[in-house]
């Protein structure tokens, strides 16, 4: 039973890390488009959209690393939930 829970926990972390990695890489490929999309949502000002367009993918990829390293899983999981609730 415990092994199954640990396996499911790890599989969930890997799945979330994969989604965030793909999303971050897609945003890093075209930061101008990412900034324009963020600007269209009107979550931040026009001046801030460029910084968020570059910063958000970096944060997402940082969370990927944190989800894989066992000691940082709890903190990174909370940050991942916060990012998903904003987007």
N, C-alpha and C. Protein backbone atom coordinates (compact mmCIF):
# COMPACT_ATOMS: atom_id res chain seq x y z
N UNK A 1 0.82 -1.20 0.00
CA UNK A 1 0.00 0.00 0.00
C UNK A 1 0.87 1.26 0.00
N UNK A 2 1.88 1.30 0.87
CA UNK A 2 2.74 2.47 0.95
C UNK A 2 3.54 2.65 -0.34
N UNK A 3 3.99 1.54 -0.90
CA UNK A 3 4.75 1.61 -2.15
C UNK A 3 3.89 2.18 -3.27
N UNK A 4 2.63 1.77 -3.30
CA UNK A 4 1.72 2.29 -4.32
C UNK A 4 1.50 3.79 -4.16
N UNK A 5 1.38 4.26 -2.93
CA UNK A 5 1.21 5.69 -2.69
C UNK A 5 2.45 6.47 -3.07
N UNK A 6 3.61 5.94 -2.74
CA UNK A 6 4.85 6.62 -3.11
C UNK A 6 5.03 6.67 -4.62
N UNK A 7 4.66 5.59 -5.28
CA UNK A 7 4.75 5.55 -6.74
C UNK A 7 3.79 6.55 -7.37
N UNK A 8 2.57 6.62 -6.85
CA UNK A 8 1.59 7.57 -7.36
C UNK A 8 2.04 9.00 -7.10
N UNK A 9 2.62 9.23 -5.93
CA UNK A 9 3.13 10.56 -5.60
C UNK A 9 4.22 10.96 -6.58
N UNK A 10 5.16 10.08 -6.82
CA UNK A 10 6.25 10.38 -7.75
C UNK A 10 5.73 10.57 -9.17
N UNK A 11 4.79 9.72 -9.58
CA UNK A 11 4.23 9.83 -10.93
C UNK A 11 3.51 11.16 -11.11
N UNK A 12 2.81 11.60 -10.09
CA UNK A 12 2.12 12.89 -10.15
C UNK A 12 3.11 14.03 -10.25
N UNK A 13 4.20 13.96 -9.49
CA UNK A 13 5.22 15.00 -9.56
C UNK A 13 5.86 15.04 -10.94
N UNK A 14 6.14 13.89 -11.51
CA UNK A 14 6.75 13.83 -12.84
C UNK A 14 5.79 14.38 -13.89
N UNK A 15 4.51 14.05 -13.77
CA UNK A 15 3.51 14.56 -14.72
C UNK A 15 3.41 16.08 -14.63
N UNK A 16 3.33 16.61 -13.42
CA UNK A 16 3.26 18.05 -13.25
C UNK A 16 4.54 18.72 -13.75
N UNK A 17 5.68 18.12 -13.47
CA UNK A 17 6.95 18.67 -13.95
C UNK A 17 7.01 18.67 -15.47
N UNK A 18 6.48 17.63 -16.10
CA UNK A 18 6.47 17.55 -17.57
C UNK A 18 5.61 18.66 -18.15
N UNK A 19 4.43 18.86 -17.59
CA UNK A 19 3.52 19.91 -18.08
C UNK A 19 4.17 21.28 -17.93
N UNK A 20 4.76 21.55 -16.76
CA UNK A 20 5.40 22.84 -16.54
C UNK A 20 6.62 23.03 -17.43
N UNK A 21 7.36 21.97 -17.67
CA UNK A 21 8.54 22.06 -18.53
C UNK A 21 8.13 22.39 -19.97
N UNK A 22 7.13 21.71 -20.46
CA UNK A 22 6.65 21.97 -21.82
C UNK A 22 6.10 23.39 -21.94
N UNK A 23 5.34 23.82 -20.93
CA UNK A 23 4.78 25.17 -20.96
C UNK A 23 5.89 26.22 -20.90
N UNK A 24 6.86 26.00 -20.02
CA UNK A 24 7.96 26.95 -19.90
C UNK A 24 8.80 27.03 -21.16
N UNK A 25 9.10 25.89 -21.76
CA UNK A 25 9.90 25.88 -22.98
C UNK A 25 9.15 26.55 -24.14
N UNK A 26 7.84 26.30 -24.24
CA UNK A 26 7.05 26.93 -25.29
C UNK A 26 7.05 28.44 -25.14
N UNK A 27 6.99 28.91 -23.89
CA UNK A 27 6.99 30.36 -23.66
C UNK A 27 8.37 30.96 -23.90
N UNK A 28 9.42 30.22 -23.62
CA UNK A 28 10.78 30.73 -23.84
C UNK A 28 11.14 30.81 -25.31
N UNK A 29 10.52 29.97 -26.13
CA UNK A 29 10.82 29.98 -27.56
C UNK A 29 10.43 31.32 -28.19
N UNK A 30 9.29 31.87 -27.76
CA UNK A 30 8.83 33.13 -28.33
C UNK A 30 8.38 34.07 -27.21
N UNK A 31 9.33 34.74 -26.55
CA UNK A 31 8.96 35.59 -25.42
C UNK A 31 8.11 36.80 -25.82
N UNK A 32 8.25 37.29 -27.04
CA UNK A 32 7.43 38.43 -27.48
C UNK A 32 5.96 38.03 -27.54
N UNK A 33 5.69 36.84 -28.06
CA UNK A 33 4.31 36.35 -28.12
C UNK A 33 3.76 36.11 -26.72
N UNK A 34 4.61 35.59 -25.84
CA UNK A 34 4.20 35.37 -24.46
C UNK A 34 3.84 36.69 -23.79
N UNK A 35 4.67 37.70 -23.99
CA UNK A 35 4.40 39.02 -23.41
C UNK A 35 3.11 39.62 -23.97
N UNK A 36 2.89 39.45 -25.25
CA UNK A 36 1.66 39.97 -25.88
C UNK A 36 0.43 39.25 -25.32
N UNK A 37 0.53 37.95 -25.14
CA UNK A 37 -0.58 37.19 -24.58
C UNK A 37 -0.88 37.63 -23.15
N UNK A 38 0.16 37.81 -22.36
CA UNK A 38 -0.02 38.28 -20.99
C UNK A 38 -0.64 39.67 -20.99
N UNK A 39 -0.22 40.50 -21.90
CA UNK A 39 -0.77 41.85 -22.02
C UNK A 39 -2.26 41.79 -22.38
N UNK A 40 -2.64 40.86 -23.24
CA UNK A 40 -4.04 40.73 -23.64
C UNK A 40 -4.94 40.29 -22.49
N UNK A 41 -4.39 39.54 -21.53
CA UNK A 41 -5.17 39.14 -20.37
C UNK A 41 -5.38 40.30 -19.39
N UNK A 42 -4.59 41.34 -19.54
CA UNK A 42 -4.65 42.54 -18.69
C UNK A 42 -4.48 42.21 -17.21
N UNK A 43 -3.59 41.27 -16.93
CA UNK A 43 -3.28 40.94 -15.54
C UNK A 43 -2.23 41.88 -14.99
N UNK A 44 -1.35 42.34 -15.85
CA UNK A 44 -0.31 43.29 -15.46
C UNK A 44 -0.30 44.42 -16.49
N UNK A 45 0.41 45.49 -16.17
CA UNK A 45 0.49 46.62 -17.08
C UNK A 45 1.27 46.24 -18.34
N UNK A 46 1.17 47.10 -19.34
CA UNK A 46 1.87 46.85 -20.61
C UNK A 46 3.38 46.81 -20.40
N UNK A 47 3.88 47.65 -19.51
CA UNK A 47 5.33 47.69 -19.25
C UNK A 47 5.79 46.43 -18.54
N UNK A 48 4.95 45.89 -17.69
CA UNK A 48 5.33 44.70 -16.91
C UNK A 48 5.17 43.40 -17.71
N UNK A 49 4.38 43.44 -18.77
CA UNK A 49 4.11 42.20 -19.51
C UNK A 49 5.38 41.61 -20.12
N UNK A 50 6.32 42.45 -20.53
CA UNK A 50 7.58 41.93 -21.09
C UNK A 50 8.38 41.21 -20.03
N UNK A 51 8.45 41.79 -18.83
CA UNK A 51 9.20 41.15 -17.74
C UNK A 51 8.53 39.85 -17.30
N UNK A 52 7.22 39.87 -17.21
CA UNK A 52 6.49 38.65 -16.83
C UNK A 52 6.61 37.60 -17.93
N UNK A 53 6.62 38.04 -19.18
CA UNK A 53 6.77 37.11 -20.30
C UNK A 53 8.09 36.36 -20.28
N UNK A 54 9.11 36.97 -19.73
CA UNK A 54 10.41 36.31 -19.61
C UNK A 54 10.52 35.59 -18.26
N UNK A 55 9.98 36.21 -17.21
CA UNK A 55 10.12 35.64 -15.86
C UNK A 55 9.26 34.41 -15.62
N UNK A 56 8.05 34.39 -16.16
CA UNK A 56 7.15 33.26 -15.91
C UNK A 56 7.72 31.93 -16.41
N UNK A 57 8.26 31.85 -17.62
CA UNK A 57 8.84 30.57 -18.05
C UNK A 57 10.04 30.14 -17.20
N UNK A 58 10.81 31.12 -16.75
CA UNK A 58 11.96 30.78 -15.90
C UNK A 58 11.48 30.22 -14.57
N UNK A 59 10.44 30.82 -14.02
CA UNK A 59 9.86 30.30 -12.77
C UNK A 59 9.30 28.91 -12.98
N UNK A 60 8.61 28.70 -14.10
CA UNK A 60 8.04 27.38 -14.37
C UNK A 60 9.14 26.32 -14.47
N UNK A 61 10.22 26.63 -15.14
CA UNK A 61 11.30 25.66 -15.27
C UNK A 61 12.00 25.45 -13.93
N UNK A 62 12.10 26.49 -13.12
CA UNK A 62 12.63 26.35 -11.77
C UNK A 62 11.77 25.44 -10.92
N UNK A 63 10.46 25.53 -11.07
CA UNK A 63 9.56 24.65 -10.34
C UNK A 63 9.76 23.20 -10.78
N UNK A 64 10.02 23.00 -12.06
CA UNK A 64 10.29 21.64 -12.56
C UNK A 64 11.46 21.03 -11.80
N UNK A 65 12.53 21.78 -11.67
CA UNK A 65 13.69 21.27 -10.93
C UNK A 65 13.34 21.01 -9.48
N UNK A 66 12.54 21.90 -8.89
CA UNK A 66 12.14 21.72 -7.50
C UNK A 66 11.24 20.53 -7.27
N UNK A 67 10.43 20.19 -8.26
CA UNK A 67 9.54 19.03 -8.12
C UNK A 67 10.30 17.71 -8.21
N UNK A 68 11.43 17.73 -8.87
CA UNK A 68 12.21 16.51 -9.02
C UNK A 68 13.11 16.27 -7.81
N UNK A 69 13.62 17.35 -7.21
CA UNK A 69 14.50 17.23 -6.04
C UNK A 69 13.63 17.01 -4.80
N UNK A 70 13.78 15.88 -4.11
CA UNK A 70 12.86 15.54 -3.01
C UNK A 70 12.78 16.56 -1.88
N UNK A 71 13.85 17.23 -1.54
CA UNK A 71 13.83 18.12 -0.38
C UNK A 71 13.00 19.39 -0.62
N UNK A 72 12.80 19.75 -1.87
CA UNK A 72 12.08 20.99 -2.20
C UNK A 72 10.66 20.75 -2.71
N UNK A 73 10.19 19.53 -2.64
CA UNK A 73 8.90 19.19 -3.25
C UNK A 73 7.74 19.97 -2.65
N UNK A 74 7.68 20.08 -1.34
CA UNK A 74 6.53 20.72 -0.70
C UNK A 74 6.45 22.20 -1.10
N UNK A 75 7.55 22.89 -1.02
CA UNK A 75 7.57 24.32 -1.36
C UNK A 75 7.22 24.53 -2.83
N UNK A 76 7.81 23.74 -3.69
CA UNK A 76 7.56 23.89 -5.12
C UNK A 76 6.13 23.49 -5.49
N UNK A 77 5.56 22.55 -4.78
CA UNK A 77 4.17 22.17 -5.04
C UNK A 77 3.23 23.33 -4.73
N UNK A 78 3.49 24.02 -3.64
CA UNK A 78 2.67 25.18 -3.28
C UNK A 78 2.82 26.28 -4.32
N UNK A 79 4.03 26.52 -4.77
CA UNK A 79 4.26 27.54 -5.80
C UNK A 79 3.58 27.14 -7.11
N UNK A 80 3.65 25.87 -7.46
CA UNK A 80 3.00 25.39 -8.69
C UNK A 80 1.49 25.59 -8.62
N UNK A 81 0.90 25.29 -7.48
CA UNK A 81 -0.55 25.50 -7.32
C UNK A 81 -0.88 26.99 -7.45
N UNK A 82 -0.04 27.84 -6.88
CA UNK A 82 -0.27 29.29 -6.99
C UNK A 82 -0.20 29.75 -8.45
N UNK A 83 0.76 29.23 -9.18
CA UNK A 83 0.87 29.63 -10.60
C UNK A 83 -0.32 29.12 -11.40
N UNK A 84 -0.75 27.89 -11.16
CA UNK A 84 -1.90 27.37 -11.88
C UNK A 84 -3.17 28.12 -11.52
N UNK A 85 -3.28 28.62 -10.32
CA UNK A 85 -4.49 29.36 -9.94
C UNK A 85 -4.51 30.75 -10.57
N UNK A 86 -3.33 31.31 -10.86
CA UNK A 86 -3.26 32.63 -11.50
C UNK A 86 -3.53 32.50 -12.99
N UNK A 87 -2.98 31.48 -13.62
CA UNK A 87 -3.14 31.33 -15.07
C UNK A 87 -4.52 30.88 -15.33
